Each structure stands twice: as C-alpha cells, then as structure tokens.
Amino acid sequence: MSPTSSPVRILLTGGTLDKVYDERTGNLVFSRTHLFDMLDQARCYLVNITIEPVMLKDSLDMTEADRAAIRAAAQRSPETRLLITHGTDTMTETAHDLANHVTDKTVVFVGAMIPYSFGGSDALFNLGFALASARVLPPGVYVAMNGTVFDWHNVRKNRERGRFEPLHP
C-alpha cells in the first residue's frame, strides 16, 4: 500500500477550526463540526478516511481528562496514521502528552487561526496540508500549521505574529 492510500483516522476535538459566530451572544461557539464540509469542498472523497468525534471544545478549556480521552482514542485506533483537529492555544500540550504515550503511530495535529466559517480562514489549507502530511510522515507526533510540519518538541504558537514557529530554528 502506498503512503498516499494509507488509511487515516481523523479525531475531532474542536478548536477554532470548528467554531461559528453566534449572532445572539457575539461569541464564537460550537454547533457542529465543519470537517465534512471541508473534505467535500476540497473534493477529498477517499474512502480510507475514518472520522471519529471525540469532543468539540475550546483548547483553553481542555482538562487532563480531555487529554486522556484524546490519548485513549489515539491508542485504540486501528489506523497507524492519525490526524487530530485541535485548538491552537494548547495544541502543543496535547501533542506533548501523546508523544509520551503513542509511539507507534504517525500523529499530526492541525487547527486554524481563523474559523472555517469565516472568510479568509486558514482552516481548509491547514487541513489539506495536514492530511497529506499524515499520509507520508514516519511514526511520530507532529504539528502541521502554516504550511510547515513541526516536531512536537520543537514548536510554539507565536500569538503576537499569529503563527506557529520552531522553538529552536
């Protein structure tokens, strides 16, 4: 089986990628995942993608129990290539957790700085880039953002610049 046809499991955990604007409250909230719409828009009709909802949560609200649920989903997955949608604020913390517990799989984290439901969102590009990365990278834990793949231990979110970058260039 070629790497591009390897089965991939997408674990949905929430984050900005899936948020929408609530006109009544003025807040960004979750109503449902946009992942199916995104895969449809990208014309990604591959049958070897399994989507598993774990939670729809802002990563700033994630607890250790939430990380344990993500870890358990990753560990029990029969697929060895995983893509995890995640909020960008604590993505690196969850990546660190998985790197210590899931060593035999390729795990790629992805998120968005701007919700998919907003114009000018980076979500669709990030998703496509991360999906391709999950299919070809060797086992390990990675963050795929802004057109770059980062090793879990060498990445940080630069809030001032609105992007991810290596800790040690």
C-alpha atoms as a PDB file:
ATOM      1  CA  MET A   1       0.000   0.000   0.000  1.00  0.00           C
ATOM      2  CA  SER A   2       1.428   3.380  -0.945  1.00  0.00           C
ATOM      3  CA  PRO A   3       1.607   6.096   1.730  1.00  0.00           C
ATOM      4  CA  THR A   4      -0.987   8.145  -0.156  1.00  0.00           C
ATOM      5  CA  SER A   5      -3.534   5.356   0.147  1.00  0.00           C
ATOM      6  CA  SER A   6      -2.845   4.532   3.802  1.00  0.00           C
ATOM      7  CA  PRO A   7      -5.950   4.682   5.980  1.00  0.00           C
ATOM      8  CA  VAL A   8      -6.181   7.790   8.149  1.00  0.00           C
ATOM      9  CA  ARG A   9      -8.347   8.318  11.206  1.00  0.00           C
ATOM     10  CA  ILE A  10      -9.316  11.913  11.950  1.00  0.00           C
ATOM     11  CA  LEU A  11     -10.015  12.578  15.620  1.00  0.00           C
ATOM     12  CA  LEU A  12     -12.167  15.678  16.101  1.00  0.00           C
ATOM     13  CA  THR A  13     -11.549  17.617  19.297  1.00  0.00           C
ATOM     14  CA  GLY A  14     -12.735  21.120  18.419  1.00  0.00           C
ATOM     15  CA  GLY A  15     -10.809  24.348  18.353  1.00  0.00           C
ATOM     16  CA  THR A  16     -11.171  27.455  16.229  1.00  0.00           C
ATOM     17  CA  LEU A  17     -11.433  25.388  13.054  1.00  0.00           C
ATOM     18  CA  ASP A  18     -14.959  24.305  14.071  1.00  0.00           C
ATOM     19  CA  LYS A  19     -16.227  27.498  15.709  1.00  0.00           C
ATOM     20  CA  VAL A  20     -19.016  29.707  14.388  1.00  0.00           C
ATOM     21  CA  TYR A  21     -20.175  33.186  15.301  1.00  0.00           C
ATOM     22  CA  ASP A  22     -23.297  33.264  17.472  1.00  0.00           C
ATOM     23  CA  GLU A  23     -25.140  36.428  16.444  1.00  0.00           C
ATOM     24  CA  ARG A  24     -27.227  36.449  19.618  1.00  0.00           C
ATOM     25  CA  THR A  25     -24.330  36.401  22.071  1.00  0.00           C
ATOM     26  CA  GLY A  26     -21.499  37.732  19.925  1.00  0.00           C
ATOM     27  CA  ASN A  27     -19.365  34.755  20.930  1.00  0.00           C
ATOM     28  CA  LEU A  28     -17.591  32.082  18.953  1.00  0.00           C
ATOM     29  CA  VAL A  29     -19.274  28.755  19.742  1.00  0.00           C
ATOM     30  CA  PHE A  30     -19.525  25.169  18.539  1.00  0.00           C
ATOM     31  CA  SER A  31     -22.644  23.957  16.773  1.00  0.00           C
ATOM     32  CA  ARG A  32     -21.248  21.061  14.740  1.00  0.00           C
ATOM     33  CA  THR A  33     -18.041  20.086  13.014  1.00  0.00           C
ATOM     34  CA  HIS A  34     -17.196  21.608   9.646  1.00  0.00           C
ATOM     35  CA  LEU A  35     -14.876  18.745   8.748  1.00  0.00           C
ATOM     36  CA  PHE A  36     -17.325  17.023   6.409  1.00  0.00           C
ATOM     37  CA  ASP A  37     -17.943  20.296   4.542  1.00  0.00           C
ATOM     38  CA  MET A  38     -14.219  20.938   4.335  1.00  0.00           C
ATOM     39  CA  LEU A  39     -13.428  17.497   2.917  1.00  0.00           C
ATOM     40  CA  ASP A  40     -16.281  17.952   0.449  1.00  0.00           C
ATOM     41  CA  GLN A  41     -15.055  21.398  -0.616  1.00  0.00           C
ATOM     42  CA  ALA A  42     -11.538  20.015  -1.078  1.00  0.00           C
ATOM     43  CA  ARG A  43     -13.023  17.180  -3.150  1.00  0.00           C
ATOM     44  CA  CYS A  44     -11.397  14.686  -0.831  1.00  0.00           C
ATOM     45  CA  TYR A  45     -13.584  11.657  -1.471  1.00  0.00           C
ATOM     46  CA  LEU A  46     -11.175   8.998  -0.319  1.00  0.00           C
ATOM     47  CA  VAL A  47     -12.879   6.057   1.309  1.00  0.00           C
ATOM     48  CA  ASN A  48      -9.941   5.322   3.577  1.00  0.00           C
ATOM     49  CA  ILE A  49     -10.615   8.224   5.954  1.00  0.00           C
ATOM     50  CA  THR A  50     -12.447   7.475   9.190  1.00  0.00           C
ATOM     51  CA  ILE A  51     -13.772  10.397  11.211  1.00  0.00           C
ATOM     52  CA  GLU A  52     -14.197   9.968  14.954  1.00  0.00           C
ATOM     53  CA  PRO A  53     -15.694  12.764  17.047  1.00  0.00           C
ATOM     54  CA  VAL A  54     -14.014  12.897  20.465  1.00  0.00           C
ATOM     55  CA  MET A  55     -15.252  16.329  21.593  1.00  0.00           C
ATOM     56  CA  LEU A  56     -15.890  19.847  20.330  1.00  0.00           C
ATOM     57  CA  LYS A  57     -14.076  22.008  22.825  1.00  0.00           C
ATOM     58  CA  ASP A  58     -12.013  25.162  23.000  1.00  0.00           C
ATOM     59  CA  SER A  59      -8.489  24.046  23.796  1.00  0.00           C
ATOM     60  CA  LEU A  60      -8.200  26.658  26.561  1.00  0.00           C
ATOM     61  CA  ASP A  61     -10.977  24.737  28.335  1.00  0.00           C
ATOM     62  CA  MET A  62      -9.325  21.322  27.947  1.00  0.00           C
ATOM     63  CA  THR A  63      -8.622  19.366  31.099  1.00  0.00           C
ATOM     64  CA  GLU A  64      -6.298  16.465  31.787  1.00  0.00           C
ATOM     65  CA  ALA A  65      -9.362  14.216  31.475  1.00  0.00           C
ATOM     66  CA  ASP A  66      -9.960  15.616  27.976  1.00  0.00           C
ATOM     67  CA  ARG A  67      -6.341  14.921  27.024  1.00  0.00           C
ATOM     68  CA  ALA A  68      -6.724  11.416  28.420  1.00  0.00           C
ATOM     69  CA  ALA A  69      -9.786  10.910  26.179  1.00  0.00           C
ATOM     70  CA  ILE A  70      -7.813  12.083  23.127  1.00  0.00           C
ATOM     71  CA  ARG A  71      -4.912   9.809  24.093  1.00  0.00           C
ATOM     72  CA  ALA A  72      -7.246   6.825  24.557  1.00  0.00           C
ATOM     73  CA  ALA A  73      -8.845   7.427  21.143  1.00  0.00           C
ATOM     74  CA  ALA A  74      -5.402   7.583  19.535  1.00  0.00           C
ATOM     75  CA  GLN A  75      -4.203   4.454  21.305  1.00  0.00           C
ATOM     76  CA  ARG A  76      -7.243   2.340  20.409  1.00  0.00           C
ATOM     77  CA  SER A  77      -7.301   3.446  16.778  1.00  0.00           C
ATOM     78  CA  PRO A  78      -6.611   0.555  14.407  1.00  0.00           C
ATOM     79  CA  GLU A  79      -5.154   3.046  11.914  1.00  0.00           C
ATOM     80  CA  THR A  80      -1.487   3.918  12.326  1.00  0.00           C
ATOM     81  CA  ARG A  81      -1.938   7.361  10.728  1.00  0.00           C
ATOM     82  CA  LEU A  82      -3.920   9.871  12.749  1.00  0.00           C
ATOM     83  CA  LEU A  83      -4.936  13.463  12.170  1.00  0.00           C
ATOM     84  CA  ILE A  84      -6.198  15.345  15.231  1.00  0.00           C
ATOM     85  CA  THR A  85      -8.106  18.608  14.885  1.00  0.00           C
ATOM     86  CA  HIS A  86      -7.334  20.736  17.910  1.00  0.00           C
ATOM     87  CA  GLY A  87      -7.464  24.283  19.176  1.00  0.00           C
ATOM     88  CA  THR A  88      -4.206  26.114  18.621  1.00  0.00           C
ATOM     89  CA  ASP A  89      -3.816  27.567  22.128  1.00  0.00           C
ATOM     90  CA  THR A  90      -2.940  24.250  23.806  1.00  0.00           C
ATOM     91  CA  MET A  91      -2.223  22.050  20.793  1.00  0.00           C
ATOM     92  CA  THR A  92       1.433  21.677  21.753  1.00  0.00           C
ATOM     93  CA  GLU A  93       0.488  20.496  25.268  1.00  0.00           C
ATOM     94  CA  THR A  94      -1.699  17.716  23.884  1.00  0.00           C
ATOM     95  CA  ALA A  95       0.980  16.825  21.317  1.00  0.00           C
ATOM     96  CA  HIS A  96       3.484  16.518  24.160  1.00  0.00           C
ATOM     97  CA  ASP A  97       1.098  14.231  26.047  1.00  0.00           C
ATOM     98  CA  LEU A  98       0.591  11.963  23.036  1.00  0.00           C
ATOM     99  CA  ALA A  99       4.302  11.839  22.242  1.00  0.00           C
ATOM    100  CA  ASN A 100       4.837  10.225  25.641  1.00  0.00           C
ATOM    101  CA  HIS A 101       2.106   7.609  25.132  1.00  0.00           C
ATOM    102  CA  VAL A 102       1.606   6.912  21.413  1.00  0.00           C
ATOM    103  CA  THR A 103       4.934   5.932  19.898  1.00  0.00           C
ATOM    104  CA  ASP A 104       3.986   3.504  17.138  1.00  0.00           C
ATOM    105  CA  LYS A 105       1.800   5.785  15.012  1.00  0.00           C
ATOM    106  CA  THR A 106       2.035   8.902  12.895  1.00  0.00           C
ATOM    107  CA  VAL A 107       0.042  11.601  14.695  1.00  0.00           C
ATOM    108  CA  VAL A 108      -0.454  15.017  13.095  1.00  0.00           C
ATOM    109  CA  PHE A 109      -2.190  17.879  14.900  1.00  0.00           C
ATOM    110  CA  VAL A 110      -3.936  20.613  12.921  1.00  0.00           C
ATOM    111  CA  GLY A 111      -6.000  23.657  13.717  1.00  0.00           C
ATOM    112  CA  ALA A 112      -6.832  27.105  12.416  1.00  0.00           C
ATOM    113  CA  MET A 113      -6.190  30.664  13.475  1.00  0.00           C
ATOM    114  CA  ILE A 114      -9.466  31.804  11.857  1.00  0.00           C
ATOM    115  CA  PRO A 115     -12.645  29.661  11.911  1.00  0.00           C
ATOM    116  CA  TYR A 116     -13.542  27.794   8.714  1.00  0.00           C
ATOM    117  CA  SER A 117     -16.898  29.597   8.744  1.00  0.00           C
ATOM    118  CA  PHE A 118     -15.151  32.987   8.345  1.00  0.00           C
ATOM    119  CA  GLY A 119     -13.820  34.423   5.112  1.00  0.00           C
ATOM    120  CA  GLY A 120     -10.052  34.305   4.838  1.00  0.00           C
ATOM    121  CA  SER A 121      -9.760  31.245   7.066  1.00  0.00           C
ATOM    122  CA  ASP A 122      -6.604  29.153   7.009  1.00  0.00           C
ATOM    123  CA  ALA A 123      -8.585  26.047   8.024  1.00  0.00           C
ATOM    124  CA  LEU A 124      -9.038  24.419   4.608  1.00  0.00           C
ATOM    125  CA  PHE A 125      -5.393  24.824   3.615  1.00  0.00           C
ATOM    126  CA  ASN A 126      -4.184  23.606   7.007  1.00  0.00           C
ATOM    127  CA  LEU A 127      -6.464  20.560   6.849  1.00  0.00           C
ATOM    128  CA  GLY A 128      -5.302  19.539   3.363  1.00  0.00           C
ATOM    129  CA  PHE A 129      -1.668  20.068   4.251  1.00  0.00           C
ATOM    130  CA  ALA A 130      -2.010  18.089   7.488  1.00  0.00           C
ATOM    131  CA  LEU A 131      -3.882  15.233   5.810  1.00  0.00           C
ATOM    132  CA  ALA A 132      -1.145  14.894   3.195  1.00  0.00           C
ATOM    133  CA  SER A 133       1.487  15.061   5.935  1.00  0.00           C
ATOM    134  CA  ALA A 134      -0.234  12.338   7.965  1.00  0.00           C
ATOM    135  CA  ARG A 135      -0.095  10.049   4.946  1.00  0.00           C
ATOM    136  CA  VAL A 136       3.657  10.362   4.335  1.00  0.00           C
ATOM    137  CA  LEU A 137       5.427  11.162   7.615  1.00  0.00           C
ATOM    138  CA  PRO A 138       7.166   8.423   9.607  1.00  0.00           C
ATOM    139  CA  PRO A 139       5.828   7.459  13.049  1.00  0.00           C
ATOM    140  CA  GLY A 140       5.996  10.350  15.495  1.00  0.00           C
ATOM    141  CA  VAL A 141       3.955  13.299  16.715  1.00  0.00           C
ATOM    142  CA  TYR A 142       3.802  16.465  14.648  1.00  0.00           C
ATOM    143  CA  VAL A 143       2.037  19.808  14.345  1.00  0.00           C
ATOM    144  CA  ALA A 144       1.133  20.845  10.786  1.00  0.00           C
ATOM    145  CA  MET A 145       0.327  24.548  10.599  1.00  0.00           C
ATOM    146  CA  ASN A 146       1.055  27.393   8.223  1.00  0.00           C
ATOM    147  CA  GLY A 147       2.463  25.088   5.528  1.00  0.00           C
ATOM    148  CA  THR A 148       5.108  23.687   7.869  1.00  0.00           C
ATOM    149  CA  VAL A 149       5.432  20.400   9.733  1.00  0.00           C
ATOM    150  CA  PHE A 150       6.917  20.769  13.202  1.00  0.00           C
ATOM    151  CA  ASP A 151       8.167  18.044  15.530  1.00  0.00           C
ATOM    152  CA  TRP A 152       6.069  18.098  18.711  1.00  0.00           C
ATOM    153  CA  HIS A 153       9.072  19.128  20.822  1.00  0.00           C
ATOM    154  CA  ASN A 154      10.179  22.000  18.583  1.00  0.00           C
ATOM    155  CA  VAL A 155       7.101  24.157  18.055  1.00  0.00           C
ATOM    156  CA  ARG A 156       5.270  27.015  19.710  1.00  0.00           C
ATOM    157  CA  LYS A 157       2.383  29.267  18.878  1.00  0.00           C
ATOM    158  CA  ASN A 158       3.581  32.834  18.469  1.00  0.00           C
ATOM    159  CA  ARG A 159       0.471  34.766  19.468  1.00  0.00           C
ATOM    160  CA  GLU A 160       1.938  38.129  18.517  1.00  0.00           C
ATOM    161  CA  ARG A 161       2.683  37.026  14.948  1.00  0.00           C
ATOM    162  CA  GLY A 162      -0.381  34.767  14.666  1.00  0.00           C
ATOM    163  CA  ARG A 163       1.521  31.684  13.525  1.00  0.00           C
ATOM    164  CA  PHE A 164       3.406  28.616  14.620  1.00  0.00           C
ATOM    165  CA  GLU A 165       7.188  28.567  14.594  1.00  0.00           C
ATOM    166  CA  PRO A 166      10.060  26.395  15.778  1.00  0.00           C
ATOM    167  CA  LEU A 167      11.341  26.849  19.304  1.00  0.00           C
ATOM    168  CA  HIS A 168      14.890  26.295  18.056  1.00  0.00           C
ATOM    169  CA  PRO A 169      15.389  27.399  14.438  1.00  0.00           C
END
